[in-house]
Amino acid sequence: MARALVLLSVVLVSLLVNQGRASDNQRLFNNVVVRVQHLHQLAAKMINDFDDNLLPEDRRLLSKTIPMSFCISDYIEAPTGKDEAQRSSMLKLLRISFRLIESWELASQILSRTVSNSLTVGSPNQINEKLADLEMGISVLTKGCLDGHPNMDDNDSLPLPFEDFYLTSEDNDLTKNFRLLACFKKDMHKVETYLRVANCRRRSLDSNCTL
């Protein structure tokens, strides 16, 4: 009888610990989703403010050149839409999100200068801090998803080609700044989509997560 009580106690403690971990993970998931949503909204506001301050001839020039441009994140293999994201595993979505945020480690330097010099919303410290917090949160979630298993994806540690692309681009300042803001908005939208799908996949086995 005593042995049965001990075993029951162990089982109950294990269940409580697992429930606590699940609750912590859910709070962290909610936190990273809120942070990337804020960054996406901030990026949209910044690019709208930038566009509002353009002269008509500059706006016409950018409308011709920017659609043909690319972002450093285009080198990162990632789902191209919500349907493909929904078919991806939670771990894959977390890894891709981490890589996308990581790709702004250097680019955030010039993004911060753009915010300081020409825009009225956001602040360099706010953007850098939120990117750093988001990267750390995604890293913790990824390690929790691995649950002690080795990371078999060597691509996670590979450097991006032309990591200083936004810093050394030969575009003029106007085009460079607009490209930077457009890419930042694009990448934050991607990360928001991937993290929301990953969060949904974590809570439900149903792969059809409606966003």
N, C-alpha and C. Protein backbone atom coordinates (compact mmCIF):
# COMPACT_ATOMS: atom_id res chain seq x y z
N MET A 1 0.83 -1.21 0.00
CA MET A 1 0.00 0.00 0.00
C MET A 1 0.87 1.26 0.00
N ALA A 2 1.88 1.23 0.87
CA ALA A 2 2.77 2.39 0.95
C ALA A 2 3.49 2.62 -0.36
N ARG A 3 3.90 1.50 -0.99
CA ARG A 3 4.61 1.62 -2.27
C ARG A 3 3.70 2.20 -3.34
N ALA A 4 2.44 1.81 -3.33
CA ALA A 4 1.48 2.32 -4.30
C ALA A 4 1.27 3.82 -4.12
N LEU A 5 1.24 4.25 -2.86
CA LEU A 5 1.08 5.68 -2.57
C LEU A 5 2.28 6.48 -3.07
N VAL A 6 3.48 5.91 -2.89
CA VAL A 6 4.69 6.58 -3.36
C VAL A 6 4.67 6.72 -4.88
N LEU A 7 4.30 5.64 -5.56
CA LEU A 7 4.24 5.69 -7.02
C LEU A 7 3.20 6.70 -7.49
N LEU A 8 2.05 6.74 -6.80
CA LEU A 8 1.00 7.70 -7.16
C LEU A 8 1.49 9.12 -6.97
N SER A 9 2.25 9.34 -5.89
CA SER A 9 2.79 10.68 -5.63
C SER A 9 3.76 11.10 -6.72
N VAL A 10 4.61 10.16 -7.15
CA VAL A 10 5.58 10.45 -8.21
C VAL A 10 4.86 10.81 -9.50
N VAL A 11 3.82 10.04 -9.81
CA VAL A 11 3.05 10.31 -11.03
C VAL A 11 2.40 11.68 -10.97
N LEU A 12 1.82 12.02 -9.83
CA LEU A 12 1.16 13.32 -9.68
C LEU A 12 2.15 14.47 -9.81
N VAL A 13 3.31 14.31 -9.17
CA VAL A 13 4.34 15.35 -9.27
C VAL A 13 4.79 15.51 -10.71
N SER A 14 4.98 14.39 -11.42
CA SER A 14 5.40 14.44 -12.82
C SER A 14 4.37 15.16 -13.68
N LEU A 15 3.10 14.87 -13.42
CA LEU A 15 2.03 15.53 -14.17
C LEU A 15 2.01 17.03 -13.92
N LEU A 16 2.19 17.42 -12.65
CA LEU A 16 2.20 18.84 -12.31
C LEU A 16 3.38 19.56 -12.95
N VAL A 17 4.54 18.89 -12.95
CA VAL A 17 5.74 19.48 -13.57
C VAL A 17 5.52 19.67 -15.07
N ASN A 18 4.97 18.64 -15.73
CA ASN A 18 4.71 18.73 -17.16
C ASN A 18 3.69 19.80 -17.49
N GLN A 19 2.66 19.90 -16.64
CA GLN A 19 1.66 20.94 -16.85
C GLN A 19 2.27 22.33 -16.69
N GLY A 20 3.18 22.44 -15.71
CA GLY A 20 3.86 23.72 -15.50
C GLY A 20 4.72 24.10 -16.68
N ARG A 21 5.44 23.11 -17.23
CA ARG A 21 6.27 23.37 -18.41
C ARG A 21 5.41 23.77 -19.61
N ALA A 22 4.29 23.07 -19.79
CA ALA A 22 3.40 23.38 -20.90
C ALA A 22 2.85 24.79 -20.77
N SER A 23 2.51 25.17 -19.54
CA SER A 23 2.00 26.52 -19.30
C SER A 23 3.06 27.57 -19.58
N ASP A 24 4.30 27.31 -19.15
CA ASP A 24 5.40 28.24 -19.41
C ASP A 24 5.66 28.38 -20.91
N ASN A 25 5.65 27.25 -21.62
CA ASN A 25 5.87 27.29 -23.06
C ASN A 25 4.78 28.07 -23.77
N GLN A 26 3.53 27.90 -23.31
CA GLN A 26 2.43 28.62 -23.94
C GLN A 26 2.56 30.13 -23.72
N ARG A 27 2.96 30.50 -22.51
CA ARG A 27 3.17 31.94 -22.23
C ARG A 27 4.29 32.49 -23.10
N LEU A 28 5.36 31.71 -23.26
CA LEU A 28 6.48 32.17 -24.09
C LEU A 28 6.05 32.27 -25.55
N PHE A 29 5.29 31.29 -26.03
CA PHE A 29 4.78 31.35 -27.39
C PHE A 29 3.92 32.60 -27.59
N ASN A 30 3.02 32.85 -26.64
CA ASN A 30 2.17 34.03 -26.74
C ASN A 30 3.00 35.30 -26.75
N ASN A 31 4.06 35.30 -25.95
CA ASN A 31 4.92 36.47 -25.85
C ASN A 31 5.64 36.76 -27.16
N VAL A 32 6.21 35.73 -27.79
CA VAL A 32 6.95 35.97 -29.03
C VAL A 32 6.00 36.37 -30.17
N VAL A 33 4.79 35.82 -30.16
CA VAL A 33 3.81 36.21 -31.18
C VAL A 33 3.44 37.68 -31.02
N VAL A 34 3.22 38.11 -29.79
CA VAL A 34 2.88 39.52 -29.54
C VAL A 34 4.02 40.43 -29.97
N ARG A 35 5.26 40.02 -29.68
CA ARG A 35 6.41 40.85 -30.02
C ARG A 35 6.58 40.99 -31.53
N VAL A 36 6.42 39.89 -32.26
CA VAL A 36 6.60 40.00 -33.70
C VAL A 36 5.42 40.73 -34.33
N GLN A 37 4.24 40.62 -33.77
CA GLN A 37 3.11 41.40 -34.26
C GLN A 37 3.38 42.88 -34.12
N HIS A 38 3.96 43.25 -32.98
CA HIS A 38 4.29 44.65 -32.76
C HIS A 38 5.35 45.13 -33.75
N LEU A 39 6.36 44.30 -33.98
CA LEU A 39 7.40 44.67 -34.94
C LEU A 39 6.84 44.80 -36.35
N HIS A 40 5.93 43.91 -36.72
CA HIS A 40 5.30 43.98 -38.04
C HIS A 40 4.48 45.26 -38.18
N GLN A 41 3.72 45.60 -37.14
CA GLN A 41 2.94 46.83 -37.17
C GLN A 41 3.85 48.05 -37.22
N LEU A 42 4.93 48.00 -36.47
CA LEU A 42 5.90 49.10 -36.47
C LEU A 42 6.53 49.26 -37.84
N ALA A 43 6.87 48.14 -38.48
CA ALA A 43 7.46 48.19 -39.82
C ALA A 43 6.50 48.80 -40.83
N ALA A 44 5.22 48.43 -40.73
CA ALA A 44 4.21 48.98 -41.64
C ALA A 44 4.06 50.49 -41.43
N LYS A 45 4.07 50.91 -40.18
CA LYS A 45 3.96 52.34 -39.87
C LYS A 45 5.18 53.10 -40.38
N MET A 46 6.36 52.53 -40.22
CA MET A 46 7.58 53.20 -40.67
C MET A 46 7.59 53.38 -42.18
N ILE A 47 7.21 52.35 -42.91
CA ILE A 47 7.27 52.45 -44.37
C ILE A 47 6.17 53.38 -44.88
N ASN A 48 5.04 53.45 -44.20
CA ASN A 48 3.99 54.39 -44.58
C ASN A 48 4.44 55.83 -44.35
N ASP A 49 5.10 56.07 -43.22
CA ASP A 49 5.63 57.41 -42.94
C ASP A 49 6.68 57.80 -43.96
N PHE A 50 7.53 56.85 -44.30
CA PHE A 50 8.57 57.10 -45.31
C PHE A 50 7.94 57.48 -46.64
N ASP A 51 6.92 56.72 -47.04
CA ASP A 51 6.24 56.98 -48.31
C ASP A 51 5.55 58.35 -48.30
N ASP A 52 4.97 58.71 -47.17
CA ASP A 52 4.27 60.00 -47.08
C ASP A 52 5.22 61.18 -47.26
N ASN A 53 6.49 60.99 -46.92
CA ASN A 53 7.47 62.07 -47.02
C ASN A 53 8.19 62.14 -48.37
N LEU A 54 7.86 61.22 -49.28
CA LEU A 54 8.51 61.20 -50.59
C LEU A 54 7.95 62.27 -51.52
N LEU A 55 8.83 62.79 -52.36
CA LEU A 55 8.37 63.65 -53.44
C LEU A 55 7.73 62.79 -54.52
N PRO A 56 6.81 63.34 -55.31
CA PRO A 56 6.12 62.54 -56.33
C PRO A 56 7.08 61.83 -57.28
N GLU A 57 8.15 62.52 -57.70
CA GLU A 57 9.07 61.90 -58.65
C GLU A 57 9.86 60.77 -57.99
N ASP A 58 10.18 60.92 -56.71
CA ASP A 58 10.87 59.85 -55.99
C ASP A 58 9.96 58.63 -55.83
N ARG A 59 8.68 58.88 -55.57
CA ARG A 59 7.73 57.77 -55.41
C ARG A 59 7.60 57.00 -56.71
N ARG A 60 7.58 57.71 -57.84
CA ARG A 60 7.49 57.04 -59.14
C ARG A 60 8.74 56.22 -59.42
N LEU A 61 9.90 56.74 -59.05
CA LEU A 61 11.16 56.02 -59.26
C LEU A 61 11.19 54.74 -58.45
N LEU A 62 10.80 54.84 -57.19
CA LEU A 62 10.83 53.67 -56.32
C LEU A 62 9.82 52.61 -56.77
N SER A 63 8.69 53.04 -57.29
CA SER A 63 7.68 52.08 -57.74
C SER A 63 8.19 51.24 -58.90
N LYS A 64 9.18 51.75 -59.63
CA LYS A 64 9.74 51.02 -60.76
C LYS A 64 10.91 50.12 -60.35
N THR A 65 11.67 50.54 -59.35
CA THR A 65 12.90 49.81 -59.00
C THR A 65 12.70 48.80 -57.87
N ILE A 66 11.91 49.11 -56.88
CA ILE A 66 11.78 48.25 -55.69
C ILE A 66 11.16 46.89 -56.01
N PRO A 67 10.11 46.80 -56.85
CA PRO A 67 9.55 45.46 -57.12
C PRO A 67 10.56 44.48 -57.70
N MET A 68 11.62 44.97 -58.33
CA MET A 68 12.63 44.11 -58.93
C MET A 68 13.77 43.79 -57.95
N SER A 69 13.71 44.36 -56.75
CA SER A 69 14.80 44.17 -55.80
C SER A 69 14.56 42.91 -54.97
N PHE A 70 15.55 42.56 -54.16
CA PHE A 70 15.42 41.37 -53.33
C PHE A 70 15.96 41.67 -51.94
N CYS A 71 15.65 40.78 -51.01
CA CYS A 71 16.08 40.91 -49.62
C CYS A 71 17.06 39.80 -49.30
N ILE A 72 17.89 40.02 -48.29
CA ILE A 72 18.85 39.00 -47.89
C ILE A 72 18.13 37.74 -47.45
N SER A 73 16.93 37.88 -46.92
CA SER A 73 16.16 36.72 -46.44
C SER A 73 15.70 35.83 -47.58
N ASP A 74 15.78 36.31 -48.82
CA ASP A 74 15.40 35.47 -49.96
C ASP A 74 16.32 34.26 -50.09
N TYR A 75 17.49 34.33 -49.44
CA TYR A 75 18.43 33.20 -49.47
C TYR A 75 18.04 32.11 -48.46
N ILE A 76 17.11 32.43 -47.57
CA ILE A 76 16.69 31.47 -46.55
C ILE A 76 15.52 30.65 -47.09
N GLU A 77 15.71 29.34 -47.14
CA GLU A 77 14.64 28.47 -47.63
C GLU A 77 13.48 28.48 -46.64
N ALA A 78 12.30 28.88 -47.12
CA ALA A 78 11.15 29.05 -46.24
C ALA A 78 9.86 28.82 -47.01
N PRO A 79 8.78 28.48 -46.30
CA PRO A 79 7.47 28.34 -46.97
C PRO A 79 7.10 29.63 -47.68
N THR A 80 6.50 29.50 -48.85
CA THR A 80 6.17 30.66 -49.66
C THR A 80 4.77 31.20 -49.42
N GLY A 81 4.00 30.54 -48.59
CA GLY A 81 2.65 31.00 -48.30
C GLY A 81 2.10 30.29 -47.08
N LYS A 82 0.88 30.67 -46.69
CA LYS A 82 0.27 30.09 -45.49
C LYS A 82 0.01 28.60 -45.65
N ASP A 83 -0.40 28.19 -46.85
CA ASP A 83 -0.69 26.77 -47.06
C ASP A 83 0.56 25.92 -46.84
N GLU A 84 1.68 26.38 -47.40
CA GLU A 84 2.93 25.63 -47.22
C GLU A 84 3.39 25.68 -45.77
N ALA A 85 3.18 26.82 -45.12
CA ALA A 85 3.55 26.94 -43.71
C ALA A 85 2.76 25.96 -42.86
N GLN A 86 1.48 25.78 -43.19
CA GLN A 86 0.63 24.86 -42.42
C GLN A 86 1.06 23.41 -42.59
N ARG A 87 1.76 23.11 -43.66
CA ARG A 87 2.25 21.75 -43.88
C ARG A 87 3.63 21.52 -43.24
N SER A 88 4.20 22.56 -42.67
CA SER A 88 5.53 22.47 -42.07
C SER A 88 5.42 22.12 -40.58
N SER A 89 6.44 21.46 -40.06
CA SER A 89 6.44 21.11 -38.65
C SER A 89 6.68 22.35 -37.80
N MET A 90 6.29 22.24 -36.53
CA MET A 90 6.50 23.35 -35.60
C MET A 90 7.98 23.67 -35.47
N LEU A 91 8.82 22.63 -35.39
CA LEU A 91 10.26 22.84 -35.25
C LEU A 91 10.83 23.56 -36.47
N LYS A 92 10.40 23.15 -37.66
CA LYS A 92 10.89 23.81 -38.88
C LYS A 92 10.51 25.28 -38.91
N LEU A 93 9.29 25.60 -38.51
CA LEU A 93 8.83 26.99 -38.50
C LEU A 93 9.61 27.82 -37.49
N LEU A 94 9.92 27.22 -36.35
CA LEU A 94 10.71 27.93 -35.34
C LEU A 94 12.13 28.19 -35.85
N ARG A 95 12.73 27.20 -36.50
CA ARG A 95 14.09 27.35 -37.03
C ARG A 95 14.14 28.45 -38.10
N ILE A 96 13.16 28.44 -39.00
CA ILE A 96 13.14 29.44 -40.06
C ILE A 96 12.93 30.83 -39.47
N SER A 97 12.04 30.93 -38.49
CA SER A 97 11.79 32.22 -37.84
C SER A 97 13.05 32.75 -37.19
N PHE A 98 13.80 31.84 -36.54
CA PHE A 98 15.05 32.25 -35.90
C PHE A 98 16.03 32.78 -36.93
N ARG A 99 16.15 32.08 -38.07
CA ARG A 99 17.07 32.50 -39.12
C ARG A 99 16.69 33.87 -39.68
N LEU A 100 15.39 34.10 -39.84
CA LEU A 100 14.94 35.37 -40.37
C LEU A 100 15.27 36.51 -39.41
N ILE A 101 15.04 36.30 -38.13
CA ILE A 101 15.37 37.33 -37.15
C ILE A 101 16.88 37.52 -37.07
N GLU A 102 17.61 36.41 -37.12
CA GLU A 102 19.07 36.46 -37.06
C GLU A 102 19.64 37.25 -38.24
N SER A 103 18.97 37.19 -39.38
CA SER A 103 19.48 37.88 -40.57
C SER A 103 19.47 39.40 -40.41
N TRP A 104 18.78 39.91 -39.39
CA TRP A 104 18.72 41.35 -39.15
C TRP A 104 19.74 41.82 -38.12
N GLU A 105 20.62 40.92 -37.70
CA GLU A 105 21.59 41.30 -36.67
C GLU A 105 22.46 42.46 -37.14
N LEU A 106 22.96 42.39 -38.36
CA LEU A 106 23.75 43.49 -38.92
C LEU A 106 22.86 44.55 -39.55
N ALA A 107 21.82 44.11 -40.23
CA ALA A 107 20.95 45.06 -40.94
C ALA A 107 20.25 46.02 -39.98
N SER A 108 20.05 45.60 -38.74
CA SER A 108 19.38 46.48 -37.78
C SER A 108 20.20 47.73 -37.49
N GLN A 109 21.51 47.68 -37.77
CA GLN A 109 22.35 48.86 -37.57
C GLN A 109 21.91 50.00 -38.47
N ILE A 110 21.78 49.70 -39.75
CA ILE A 110 21.36 50.75 -40.69
C ILE A 110 19.88 51.03 -40.53
N LEU A 111 19.09 50.04 -40.15
CA LEU A 111 17.67 50.29 -39.89
C LEU A 111 17.52 51.29 -38.75
N SER A 112 18.34 51.15 -37.73
CA SER A 112 18.30 52.07 -36.60
C SER A 112 18.64 53.49 -37.03
N ARG A 113 19.63 53.63 -37.91
CA ARG A 113 20.00 54.96 -38.39
C ARG A 113 18.88 55.55 -39.23
N THR A 114 18.21 54.71 -40.02
CA THR A 114 17.10 55.19 -40.84
C THR A 114 15.98 55.71 -39.95
N VAL A 115 15.68 54.98 -38.90
CA VAL A 115 14.64 55.39 -37.96
C VAL A 115 15.02 56.70 -37.29
N SER A 116 16.28 56.81 -36.86
CA SER A 116 16.74 58.00 -36.15
C SER A 116 16.72 59.24 -37.04
N ASN A 117 17.09 59.07 -38.30
CA ASN A 117 17.30 60.22 -39.17
C ASN A 117 16.06 60.70 -39.91
N SER A 118 15.13 59.79 -40.21
CA SER A 118 14.07 60.22 -41.14
C SER A 118 12.66 59.85 -40.73
N LEU A 119 12.47 59.11 -39.65
CA LEU A 119 11.12 58.68 -39.30
C LEU A 119 10.72 59.18 -37.92
N THR A 120 9.41 59.18 -37.70
CA THR A 120 8.89 59.74 -36.46
C THR A 120 8.37 58.69 -35.51
N VAL A 121 8.38 57.42 -35.91
CA VAL A 121 7.87 56.36 -35.04
C VAL A 121 8.97 55.38 -34.73
N GLY A 122 8.80 54.69 -33.60
CA GLY A 122 9.79 53.71 -33.24
C GLY A 122 11.06 54.37 -32.73
N SER A 123 11.99 53.58 -32.28
CA SER A 123 13.29 54.07 -31.84
C SER A 123 14.30 52.98 -32.09
N PRO A 124 15.57 53.36 -32.32
CA PRO A 124 16.60 52.33 -32.56
C PRO A 124 16.66 51.30 -31.44
N ASN A 125 16.64 51.78 -30.18
CA ASN A 125 16.73 50.85 -29.06
C ASN A 125 15.52 49.93 -29.01
N GLN A 126 14.33 50.48 -29.29
CA GLN A 126 13.12 49.68 -29.25
C GLN A 126 13.19 48.54 -30.26
N ILE A 127 13.63 48.84 -31.47
CA ILE A 127 13.71 47.83 -32.52
C ILE A 127 14.76 46.78 -32.17
N ASN A 128 15.95 47.22 -31.80
CA ASN A 128 17.03 46.29 -31.48
C ASN A 128 16.68 45.40 -30.29
N GLU A 129 16.09 45.99 -29.27
CA GLU A 129 15.74 45.22 -28.08
C GLU A 129 14.67 44.17 -28.39
N LYS A 130 13.68 44.56 -29.17
CA LYS A 130 12.60 43.62 -29.50
C LYS A 130 13.10 42.51 -30.41
N LEU A 131 14.00 42.83 -31.33
CA LEU A 131 14.59 41.79 -32.17
C LEU A 131 15.40 40.81 -31.32
N ALA A 132 16.19 41.35 -30.38
CA ALA A 132 17.01 40.49 -29.51
C ALA A 132 16.13 39.62 -28.62
N ASP A 133 15.08 40.21 -28.04
CA ASP A 133 14.17 39.44 -27.18
C ASP A 133 13.45 38.36 -27.98
N LEU A 134 13.05 38.71 -29.20
CA LEU A 134 12.35 37.75 -30.05
C LEU A 134 13.27 36.59 -30.43
N GLU A 135 14.51 36.91 -30.77
CA GLU A 135 15.48 35.86 -31.13
C GLU A 135 15.72 34.92 -29.94
N MET A 136 15.84 35.49 -28.76
CA MET A 136 16.07 34.67 -27.57
C MET A 136 14.86 33.78 -27.27
N GLY A 137 13.67 34.35 -27.39
CA GLY A 137 12.46 33.58 -27.13
C GLY A 137 12.30 32.42 -28.10
N ILE A 138 12.57 32.67 -29.37
CA ILE A 138 12.46 31.60 -30.37
C ILE A 138 13.51 30.53 -30.11
N SER A 139 14.70 30.94 -29.69
CA SER A 139 15.77 29.98 -29.38
C SER A 139 15.35 29.06 -28.24
N VAL A 140 14.74 29.63 -27.19
CA VAL A 140 14.29 28.82 -26.05
C VAL A 140 13.20 27.85 -26.48
N LEU A 141 12.26 28.31 -27.30
CA LEU A 141 11.19 27.44 -27.78
C LEU A 141 11.74 26.31 -28.65
N THR A 142 12.74 26.62 -29.46
CA THR A 142 13.35 25.60 -30.32
C THR A 142 14.04 24.53 -29.48
N LYS A 143 14.78 24.94 -28.46
CA LYS A 143 15.46 23.97 -27.59
C LYS A 143 14.43 23.11 -26.86
N GLY A 144 13.32 23.73 -26.45
CA GLY A 144 12.28 22.96 -25.79
C GLY A 144 11.63 21.97 -26.73
N CYS A 145 11.52 22.35 -27.98
CA CYS A 145 10.94 21.45 -28.98
C CYS A 145 11.87 20.27 -29.25
N LEU A 146 13.18 20.52 -29.22
CA LEU A 146 14.15 19.44 -29.41
C LEU A 146 14.16 18.50 -28.20
N ASP A 147 13.86 19.04 -27.02
CA ASP A 147 13.74 18.25 -25.79
C ASP A 147 14.94 17.34 -25.56
N GLY A 148 16.13 17.93 -25.67
CA GLY A 148 17.34 17.18 -25.38
C GLY A 148 17.92 16.42 -26.56
N HIS A 149 17.18 16.33 -27.66
CA HIS A 149 17.70 15.64 -28.83
C HIS A 149 18.67 16.55 -29.59
N PRO A 150 19.68 16.00 -30.23
CA PRO A 150 20.64 16.84 -30.95
C PRO A 150 19.99 17.52 -32.15
N ASN A 151 20.48 18.72 -32.44
CA ASN A 151 19.99 19.46 -33.60
C ASN A 151 20.69 18.92 -34.84
N MET A 152 19.93 18.27 -35.70
CA MET A 152 20.53 17.61 -36.88
C MET A 152 20.56 18.51 -38.11
N ASP A 153 20.07 19.73 -37.98
CA ASP A 153 20.01 20.63 -39.13
C ASP A 153 21.23 21.53 -39.12
N ASP A 154 22.25 21.16 -39.89
CA ASP A 154 23.48 21.95 -39.95
C ASP A 154 23.26 23.32 -40.56
N ASN A 155 22.19 23.47 -41.36
CA ASN A 155 21.95 24.76 -42.00
C ASN A 155 21.66 25.86 -41.00
N ASP A 156 21.26 25.48 -39.77
CA ASP A 156 20.96 26.48 -38.76
C ASP A 156 22.17 27.34 -38.42
N SER A 157 23.37 26.78 -38.57
CA SER A 157 24.57 27.50 -38.18
C SER A 157 25.33 28.09 -39.36
N LEU A 158 24.81 27.89 -40.56
CA LEU A 158 25.50 28.41 -41.73
C LEU A 158 25.28 29.91 -41.85
N PRO A 159 26.34 30.69 -42.13
CA PRO A 159 26.16 32.13 -42.30
C PRO A 159 25.43 32.43 -43.61
N LEU A 160 24.71 33.52 -43.61
CA LEU A 160 24.05 33.95 -44.83
C LEU A 160 25.08 34.53 -45.79
N PRO A 161 24.91 34.34 -47.10
CA PRO A 161 25.79 35.02 -48.04
C PRO A 161 25.51 36.51 -48.02
N PHE A 162 26.53 37.30 -48.12
CA PHE A 162 26.36 38.76 -48.18
C PHE A 162 25.59 39.27 -46.96
N GLU A 163 26.05 38.86 -45.75
CA GLU A 163 25.33 39.27 -44.55
C GLU A 163 25.27 40.78 -44.39
N ASP A 164 26.25 41.49 -44.98
CA ASP A 164 26.26 42.95 -44.87
C ASP A 164 25.63 43.60 -46.09
N PHE A 165 24.73 42.88 -46.77
CA PHE A 165 24.13 43.36 -48.01
C PHE A 165 23.52 44.75 -47.85
N TYR A 166 22.72 44.95 -46.79
CA TYR A 166 22.05 46.23 -46.61
C TYR A 166 23.02 47.35 -46.26
N LEU A 167 24.18 46.97 -45.72
CA LEU A 167 25.17 47.97 -45.34
C LEU A 167 26.04 48.39 -46.52
N THR A 168 26.25 47.49 -47.46
CA THR A 168 27.18 47.77 -48.56
C THR A 168 26.49 47.92 -49.91
N SER A 169 25.18 47.90 -49.92
CA SER A 169 24.44 48.03 -51.18
C SER A 169 24.83 49.30 -51.91
N GLU A 170 24.92 49.20 -53.24
CA GLU A 170 25.31 50.35 -54.05
C GLU A 170 24.12 51.23 -54.42
N ASP A 171 22.94 50.92 -53.91
CA ASP A 171 21.77 51.76 -54.14
C ASP A 171 22.03 53.16 -53.59
N ASN A 172 21.33 54.17 -54.15
CA ASN A 172 21.38 55.48 -53.53
C ASN A 172 20.64 55.43 -52.19
N ASP A 173 20.82 56.47 -51.39
CA ASP A 173 20.27 56.44 -50.03
C ASP A 173 18.77 56.25 -50.02
N LEU A 174 18.06 56.89 -50.93
CA LEU A 174 16.61 56.79 -50.96
C LEU A 174 16.17 55.36 -51.23
N THR A 175 16.73 54.76 -52.27
CA THR A 175 16.37 53.38 -52.61
C THR A 175 16.81 52.41 -51.52
N LYS A 176 18.00 52.63 -50.97
CA LYS A 176 18.51 51.74 -49.91
C LYS A 176 17.58 51.77 -48.69
N ASN A 177 17.17 52.97 -48.28
CA ASN A 177 16.32 53.07 -47.10
C ASN A 177 14.95 52.44 -47.34
N PHE A 178 14.39 52.67 -48.53
CA PHE A 178 13.07 52.11 -48.82
C PHE A 178 13.16 50.58 -48.91
N ARG A 179 14.20 50.08 -49.55
CA ARG A 179 14.40 48.62 -49.64
C ARG A 179 14.53 48.02 -48.24
N LEU A 180 15.29 48.68 -47.39
CA LEU A 180 15.50 48.20 -46.03
C LEU A 180 14.17 48.09 -45.29
N LEU A 181 13.37 49.14 -45.37
CA LEU A 181 12.08 49.14 -44.67
C LEU A 181 11.13 48.11 -45.26
N ALA A 182 11.13 47.99 -46.59
CA ALA A 182 10.25 47.02 -47.25
C ALA A 182 10.64 45.59 -46.87
N CYS A 183 11.95 45.32 -46.82
CA CYS A 183 12.41 43.98 -46.44
C CYS A 183 12.12 43.69 -44.98
N PHE A 184 12.27 44.70 -44.13
CA PHE A 184 11.97 44.51 -42.71
C PHE A 184 10.49 44.16 -42.52
N LYS A 185 9.63 44.89 -43.20
CA LYS A 185 8.19 44.60 -43.11
C LYS A 185 7.88 43.20 -43.64
N LYS A 186 8.49 42.86 -44.77
CA LYS A 186 8.27 41.55 -45.39
C LYS A 186 8.70 40.42 -44.45
N ASP A 187 9.87 40.57 -43.84
CA ASP A 187 10.39 39.51 -42.97
C ASP A 187 9.59 39.39 -41.68
N MET A 188 9.17 40.52 -41.11
CA MET A 188 8.36 40.46 -39.89
C MET A 188 7.00 39.83 -40.18
N HIS A 189 6.48 40.06 -41.37
CA HIS A 189 5.22 39.41 -41.76
C HIS A 189 5.42 37.89 -41.86
N LYS A 190 6.54 37.48 -42.44
CA LYS A 190 6.84 36.05 -42.53
C LYS A 190 6.94 35.42 -41.14
N VAL A 191 7.72 36.05 -40.28
CA VAL A 191 7.93 35.49 -38.94
C VAL A 191 6.61 35.43 -38.17
N GLU A 192 5.81 36.48 -38.29
CA GLU A 192 4.51 36.48 -37.61
C GLU A 192 3.65 35.30 -38.09
N THR A 193 3.62 35.09 -39.41
CA THR A 193 2.84 33.98 -39.96
C THR A 193 3.35 32.64 -39.45
N TYR A 194 4.68 32.43 -39.50
CA TYR A 194 5.25 31.15 -39.10
C TYR A 194 5.03 30.88 -37.61
N LEU A 195 5.19 31.91 -36.77
CA LEU A 195 5.03 31.71 -35.33
C LEU A 195 3.57 31.47 -34.96
N ARG A 196 2.67 32.13 -35.65
CA ARG A 196 1.24 31.91 -35.36
C ARG A 196 0.83 30.49 -35.77
N VAL A 197 1.34 30.03 -36.91
CA VAL A 197 1.05 28.65 -37.33
C VAL A 197 1.69 27.66 -36.35
N ALA A 198 2.95 27.92 -35.95
CA ALA A 198 3.63 27.03 -35.01
C ALA A 198 2.88 26.97 -33.68
N ASN A 199 2.39 28.10 -33.22
CA ASN A 199 1.63 28.14 -31.97
C ASN A 199 0.34 27.35 -32.09
N CYS A 200 -0.31 27.47 -33.24
CA CYS A 200 -1.53 26.72 -33.50
C CYS A 200 -1.24 25.22 -33.56
N ARG A 201 -0.15 24.87 -34.25
CA ARG A 201 0.22 23.46 -34.37
C ARG A 201 0.56 22.87 -32.99
N ARG A 202 1.12 23.67 -32.13
CA ARG A 202 1.46 23.19 -30.79
C ARG A 202 0.20 22.84 -30.00
N ARG A 203 -0.85 23.62 -30.18
CA ARG A 203 -2.07 23.42 -29.40
C ARG A 203 -3.03 22.42 -30.03
N SER A 204 -2.82 22.13 -31.32
CA SER A 204 -3.77 21.26 -32.00
C SER A 204 -3.03 20.39 -33.00
N LEU A 205 -3.46 19.14 -33.12
CA LEU A 205 -2.87 18.24 -34.11
C LEU A 205 -3.40 18.52 -35.50
N ASP A 206 -4.46 19.32 -35.59
CA ASP A 206 -5.05 19.66 -36.87
C ASP A 206 -4.10 20.58 -37.63
N SER A 207 -3.69 20.18 -38.82
CA SER A 207 -2.73 20.98 -39.60
C SER A 207 -3.36 22.18 -40.25
N ASN A 208 -4.70 22.25 -40.26
CA ASN A 208 -5.38 23.37 -40.89
C ASN A 208 -5.60 24.47 -39.88
N CYS A 209 -4.56 25.25 -39.62
CA CYS A 209 -4.64 26.35 -38.65
C CYS A 209 -5.09 27.61 -39.38
N THR A 210 -6.27 28.06 -39.11
CA THR A 210 -6.81 29.25 -39.77
C THR A 210 -6.21 30.48 -39.15
N LEU A 211 -5.64 31.35 -39.99
CA LEU A 211 -5.01 32.58 -39.49
C LEU A 211 -5.90 33.77 -39.74
